[in-house]
N, C-alpha and C. Protein backbone atom coordinates (compact mmCIF):
# COMPACT_ATOMS: atom_id res chain seq x y z
N MET A 1 265.15 -14.99 -49.10
CA MET A 1 264.04 -15.72 -49.67
C MET A 1 264.46 -16.23 -51.05
N GLU A 2 264.26 -17.52 -51.29
CA GLU A 2 264.64 -18.11 -52.57
C GLU A 2 263.89 -17.45 -53.73
N HIS A 3 264.52 -17.49 -54.89
CA HIS A 3 264.01 -16.80 -56.08
C HIS A 3 264.11 -17.77 -57.25
N ALA A 4 263.00 -18.01 -57.94
CA ALA A 4 262.98 -18.96 -59.05
C ALA A 4 262.75 -18.24 -60.38
N LEU A 5 263.36 -18.79 -61.41
CA LEU A 5 263.16 -18.31 -62.78
C LEU A 5 262.73 -19.48 -63.64
N PHE A 6 261.70 -19.25 -64.45
CA PHE A 6 261.27 -20.20 -65.47
C PHE A 6 261.48 -19.49 -66.80
N ILE A 7 262.29 -20.07 -67.67
CA ILE A 7 262.66 -19.40 -68.92
C ILE A 7 262.38 -20.34 -70.09
N VAL A 8 261.81 -19.77 -71.15
CA VAL A 8 261.58 -20.51 -72.40
C VAL A 8 262.37 -19.81 -73.49
N HIS A 9 263.25 -20.56 -74.15
CA HIS A 9 264.02 -20.06 -75.28
C HIS A 9 263.50 -20.73 -76.55
N ARG A 10 263.22 -19.95 -77.58
CA ARG A 10 262.86 -20.50 -78.89
C ARG A 10 264.04 -20.24 -79.82
N THR A 11 264.56 -21.33 -80.37
CA THR A 11 265.70 -21.22 -81.28
C THR A 11 265.21 -21.06 -82.71
N ASN A 12 266.10 -20.62 -83.57
CA ASN A 12 265.80 -20.68 -85.00
C ASN A 12 265.67 -22.15 -85.36
N PRO A 13 264.90 -22.47 -86.40
CA PRO A 13 264.66 -23.88 -86.75
C PRO A 13 265.96 -24.69 -86.85
N GLY A 14 265.97 -25.79 -86.11
CA GLY A 14 267.08 -26.72 -86.16
C GLY A 14 268.34 -26.28 -85.43
N LYS A 15 268.28 -25.22 -84.63
CA LYS A 15 269.47 -24.67 -83.99
C LYS A 15 269.58 -25.02 -82.50
N ARG A 16 268.70 -25.86 -82.00
CA ARG A 16 268.70 -26.14 -80.57
C ARG A 16 270.03 -26.74 -80.09
N ASP A 17 270.59 -27.65 -80.82
CA ASP A 17 271.86 -28.25 -80.41
C ASP A 17 273.00 -27.23 -80.43
N GLU A 18 272.97 -26.30 -81.38
CA GLU A 18 273.99 -25.24 -81.42
C GLU A 18 273.85 -24.32 -80.22
N VAL A 19 272.61 -24.01 -79.85
CA VAL A 19 272.38 -23.17 -78.67
C VAL A 19 272.91 -23.89 -77.43
N ARG A 20 272.65 -25.17 -77.34
CA ARG A 20 273.16 -25.93 -76.18
C ARG A 20 274.68 -25.89 -76.13
N ALA A 21 275.35 -26.00 -77.26
CA ALA A 21 276.81 -25.96 -77.28
C ALA A 21 277.32 -24.60 -76.79
N VAL A 22 276.65 -23.53 -77.18
CA VAL A 22 277.04 -22.19 -76.72
C VAL A 22 276.81 -22.08 -75.22
N TRP A 23 275.66 -22.61 -74.75
CA TRP A 23 275.34 -22.59 -73.32
C TRP A 23 276.41 -23.36 -72.54
N GLU A 24 276.78 -24.55 -73.03
CA GLU A 24 277.78 -25.36 -72.33
C GLU A 24 279.14 -24.66 -72.29
N LYS A 25 279.48 -23.94 -73.33
CA LYS A 25 280.75 -23.23 -73.41
C LYS A 25 280.82 -22.08 -72.40
N HIS A 26 279.77 -21.28 -72.34
CA HIS A 26 279.78 -20.07 -71.52
C HIS A 26 279.13 -20.24 -70.15
N MET A 27 277.95 -20.81 -70.14
CA MET A 27 277.13 -20.77 -68.93
C MET A 27 277.38 -21.91 -67.97
N ALA A 28 277.53 -23.12 -68.46
CA ALA A 28 277.70 -24.26 -67.55
C ALA A 28 278.85 -24.05 -66.57
N PRO A 29 280.02 -23.60 -67.03
CA PRO A 29 281.12 -23.41 -66.06
C PRO A 29 280.82 -22.32 -65.03
N ALA A 30 280.17 -21.25 -65.48
CA ALA A 30 279.86 -20.15 -64.56
C ALA A 30 278.81 -20.58 -63.53
N ILE A 31 277.82 -21.31 -63.98
CA ILE A 31 276.76 -21.77 -63.07
C ILE A 31 277.32 -22.77 -62.06
N ALA A 32 278.17 -23.67 -62.53
CA ALA A 32 278.74 -24.69 -61.64
C ALA A 32 279.51 -24.06 -60.48
N LYS A 33 280.12 -22.89 -60.71
CA LYS A 33 280.92 -22.24 -59.68
C LYS A 33 280.14 -21.18 -58.91
N ASN A 34 278.88 -20.97 -59.26
CA ASN A 34 278.10 -19.89 -58.64
C ASN A 34 277.35 -20.40 -57.41
N ASP A 35 277.74 -19.94 -56.24
CA ASP A 35 277.09 -20.36 -55.00
C ASP A 35 275.64 -19.87 -54.90
N GLY A 36 275.30 -18.84 -55.65
CA GLY A 36 273.93 -18.32 -55.61
C GLY A 36 272.91 -19.22 -56.28
N HIS A 37 273.37 -20.11 -57.17
CA HIS A 37 272.46 -21.07 -57.81
C HIS A 37 272.29 -22.27 -56.87
N ILE A 38 271.06 -22.52 -56.49
CA ILE A 38 270.75 -23.71 -55.68
C ILE A 38 270.48 -24.89 -56.60
N ASP A 39 269.67 -24.65 -57.64
CA ASP A 39 269.35 -25.67 -58.64
C ASP A 39 269.30 -25.02 -60.01
N TYR A 40 269.59 -25.80 -61.03
CA TYR A 40 269.53 -25.31 -62.40
C TYR A 40 269.20 -26.50 -63.29
N PHE A 41 268.14 -26.38 -64.07
CA PHE A 41 267.72 -27.44 -65.00
C PHE A 41 267.65 -26.85 -66.40
N TYR A 42 268.41 -27.41 -67.32
CA TYR A 42 268.44 -26.99 -68.72
C TYR A 42 267.81 -28.13 -69.50
N CYS A 43 266.64 -27.90 -70.08
CA CYS A 43 265.83 -28.99 -70.62
C CYS A 43 265.44 -28.78 -72.08
N PHE A 44 265.38 -29.86 -72.84
CA PHE A 44 264.83 -29.86 -74.18
C PHE A 44 263.34 -30.17 -74.09
N ASP A 45 262.52 -29.37 -74.74
CA ASP A 45 261.08 -29.60 -74.80
C ASP A 45 260.81 -30.85 -75.63
N HIS A 46 259.88 -31.67 -75.21
CA HIS A 46 259.56 -32.91 -75.94
C HIS A 46 258.70 -32.65 -77.17
N GLN A 47 257.80 -31.67 -77.12
CA GLN A 47 256.87 -31.45 -78.21
C GLN A 47 257.42 -30.54 -79.31
N ASP A 48 258.30 -29.63 -78.97
CA ASP A 48 258.81 -28.66 -79.94
C ASP A 48 260.34 -28.71 -79.90
N HIS A 49 260.94 -29.17 -80.99
CA HIS A 49 262.38 -29.37 -81.03
C HIS A 49 263.19 -28.09 -81.20
N ASP A 50 262.50 -26.96 -81.21
CA ASP A 50 263.18 -25.67 -81.26
C ASP A 50 262.97 -24.89 -79.96
N VAL A 51 262.60 -25.59 -78.89
CA VAL A 51 262.34 -24.94 -77.61
C VAL A 51 263.20 -25.55 -76.51
N LEU A 52 263.77 -24.65 -75.70
CA LEU A 52 264.50 -25.02 -74.48
C LEU A 52 263.72 -24.47 -73.30
N ARG A 53 263.65 -25.23 -72.23
CA ARG A 53 262.99 -24.79 -71.00
C ARG A 53 264.01 -24.85 -69.88
N VAL A 54 264.14 -23.76 -69.16
CA VAL A 54 265.15 -23.66 -68.11
C VAL A 54 264.48 -23.29 -66.80
N PHE A 55 264.88 -23.99 -65.74
CA PHE A 55 264.44 -23.65 -64.39
C PHE A 55 265.69 -23.34 -63.57
N GLN A 56 265.67 -22.19 -62.91
CA GLN A 56 266.78 -21.79 -62.05
C GLN A 56 266.23 -21.45 -60.68
N LEU A 57 266.89 -21.94 -59.67
CA LEU A 57 266.55 -21.57 -58.29
C LEU A 57 267.77 -20.93 -57.67
N TYR A 58 267.60 -19.68 -57.26
CA TYR A 58 268.66 -18.91 -56.63
C TYR A 58 268.40 -18.79 -55.14
N SER A 59 269.44 -18.49 -54.41
CA SER A 59 269.29 -18.29 -52.96
C SER A 59 268.43 -17.06 -52.66
N ASN A 60 268.47 -16.06 -53.55
CA ASN A 60 267.63 -14.87 -53.39
C ASN A 60 267.65 -14.08 -54.69
N ALA A 61 266.81 -13.05 -54.79
CA ALA A 61 266.71 -12.25 -56.01
C ALA A 61 268.01 -11.51 -56.30
N GLU A 62 268.72 -11.09 -55.27
CA GLU A 62 269.97 -10.38 -55.47
C GLU A 62 271.01 -11.28 -56.15
N ALA A 63 271.02 -12.55 -55.79
CA ALA A 63 271.95 -13.50 -56.42
C ALA A 63 271.61 -13.65 -57.90
N ALA A 64 270.33 -13.66 -58.23
CA ALA A 64 269.92 -13.76 -59.63
C ALA A 64 270.36 -12.52 -60.39
N ASP A 65 270.12 -11.35 -59.83
CA ASP A 65 270.52 -10.11 -60.48
C ASP A 65 272.03 -10.02 -60.63
N SER A 66 272.74 -10.44 -59.61
CA SER A 66 274.20 -10.38 -59.63
C SER A 66 274.79 -11.28 -60.72
N PHE A 67 274.18 -12.44 -60.93
CA PHE A 67 274.71 -13.38 -61.91
C PHE A 67 274.66 -12.79 -63.33
N LEU A 68 273.73 -11.89 -63.58
CA LEU A 68 273.64 -11.26 -64.90
C LEU A 68 274.86 -10.42 -65.23
N GLN A 69 275.66 -10.10 -64.23
CA GLN A 69 276.88 -9.32 -64.44
C GLN A 69 278.10 -10.19 -64.70
N HIS A 70 277.94 -11.51 -64.63
CA HIS A 70 279.07 -12.42 -64.84
C HIS A 70 279.60 -12.25 -66.27
N PRO A 71 280.90 -12.19 -66.46
CA PRO A 71 281.44 -12.00 -67.82
C PRO A 71 281.05 -13.09 -68.79
N ASN A 72 280.85 -14.31 -68.32
CA ASN A 72 280.43 -15.40 -69.21
C ASN A 72 279.04 -15.13 -69.79
N TYR A 73 278.20 -14.45 -69.01
CA TYR A 73 276.84 -14.17 -69.48
C TYR A 73 276.88 -13.25 -70.69
N ALA A 74 277.72 -12.24 -70.67
CA ALA A 74 277.84 -11.32 -71.81
C ALA A 74 278.32 -12.06 -73.06
N GLY A 75 279.30 -12.94 -72.89
CA GLY A 75 279.78 -13.73 -74.02
C GLY A 75 278.71 -14.65 -74.57
N TYR A 76 277.95 -15.25 -73.67
CA TYR A 76 276.85 -16.12 -74.08
C TYR A 76 275.83 -15.35 -74.90
N LEU A 77 275.40 -14.20 -74.41
CA LEU A 77 274.39 -13.41 -75.12
C LEU A 77 274.86 -13.04 -76.53
N GLN A 78 276.09 -12.64 -76.64
CA GLN A 78 276.61 -12.24 -77.94
C GLN A 78 276.62 -13.41 -78.92
N GLU A 79 277.05 -14.56 -78.46
CA GLU A 79 277.18 -15.71 -79.35
C GLU A 79 275.85 -16.39 -79.64
N VAL A 80 274.95 -16.39 -78.68
CA VAL A 80 273.69 -17.12 -78.85
C VAL A 80 272.64 -16.29 -79.60
N GLY A 81 272.75 -14.97 -79.56
CA GLY A 81 271.74 -14.10 -80.17
C GLY A 81 271.30 -14.50 -81.57
N PRO A 82 272.23 -14.73 -82.50
CA PRO A 82 271.83 -15.08 -83.86
C PRO A 82 271.14 -16.44 -83.99
N LEU A 83 271.23 -17.26 -82.96
CA LEU A 83 270.64 -18.61 -83.00
C LEU A 83 269.22 -18.64 -82.44
N LEU A 84 268.78 -17.56 -81.81
CA LEU A 84 267.44 -17.51 -81.20
C LEU A 84 266.47 -16.77 -82.10
N SER A 85 265.23 -17.23 -82.12
CA SER A 85 264.23 -16.60 -82.99
C SER A 85 263.60 -15.38 -82.34
N ASN A 86 263.68 -15.27 -81.00
CA ASN A 86 263.13 -14.10 -80.30
C ASN A 86 263.73 -14.03 -78.91
N GLN A 87 263.33 -13.02 -78.17
CA GLN A 87 263.80 -12.87 -76.79
C GLN A 87 263.22 -14.00 -75.93
N PRO A 88 263.95 -14.45 -74.92
CA PRO A 88 263.40 -15.50 -74.05
C PRO A 88 262.20 -15.01 -73.27
N GLU A 89 261.32 -15.93 -72.98
CA GLU A 89 260.16 -15.66 -72.11
C GLU A 89 260.60 -15.99 -70.69
N VAL A 90 260.56 -15.00 -69.80
CA VAL A 90 261.08 -15.17 -68.45
C VAL A 90 259.95 -14.91 -67.45
N HIS A 91 259.79 -15.85 -66.51
CA HIS A 91 258.83 -15.69 -65.43
C HIS A 91 259.58 -15.88 -64.11
N THR A 92 259.31 -15.00 -63.16
CA THR A 92 259.92 -15.12 -61.83
C THR A 92 258.87 -15.61 -60.85
N ALA A 93 259.34 -16.27 -59.80
CA ALA A 93 258.42 -16.81 -58.80
C ALA A 93 259.15 -16.95 -57.46
N THR A 94 258.36 -16.98 -56.42
CA THR A 94 258.89 -17.23 -55.08
C THR A 94 258.42 -18.62 -54.65
N PRO A 95 259.35 -19.56 -54.47
CA PRO A 95 258.95 -20.90 -54.04
C PRO A 95 258.23 -20.86 -52.70
N GLN A 96 257.17 -21.62 -52.61
CA GLN A 96 256.39 -21.73 -51.38
C GLN A 96 256.60 -23.06 -50.67
N TRP A 97 257.01 -24.07 -51.42
CA TRP A 97 257.28 -25.40 -50.86
C TRP A 97 258.16 -26.14 -51.84
N LYS A 98 259.06 -26.98 -51.34
CA LYS A 98 259.86 -27.83 -52.19
C LYS A 98 260.24 -29.09 -51.43
N LYS A 99 260.43 -30.14 -52.17
CA LYS A 99 260.89 -31.40 -51.59
C LYS A 99 262.40 -31.32 -51.43
N ASN A 100 262.91 -31.56 -50.26
CA ASN A 100 264.35 -31.52 -50.03
C ASN A 100 264.97 -32.89 -50.20
């Protein structure tokens, strides 16, 4: 059963572009090679320039949990931590319908 994540990251003021650079360094390559990711959207919020909104669709919950063990994820967390103002807001969901 597919597993979706909706994540909101709040950066320290003016640090959104730096967070994106860290994400591109660590996460983009790992996500591109991860078969468990069906879709991934990394978005800048239009109203708040210190907010990132991320949507991830995994093949299942196990694939999502497994990805957290990827070595790139640990490097990302270490480098991005000082650039974020708080912990990300994470919501999980089970897709009920999608346009193919």
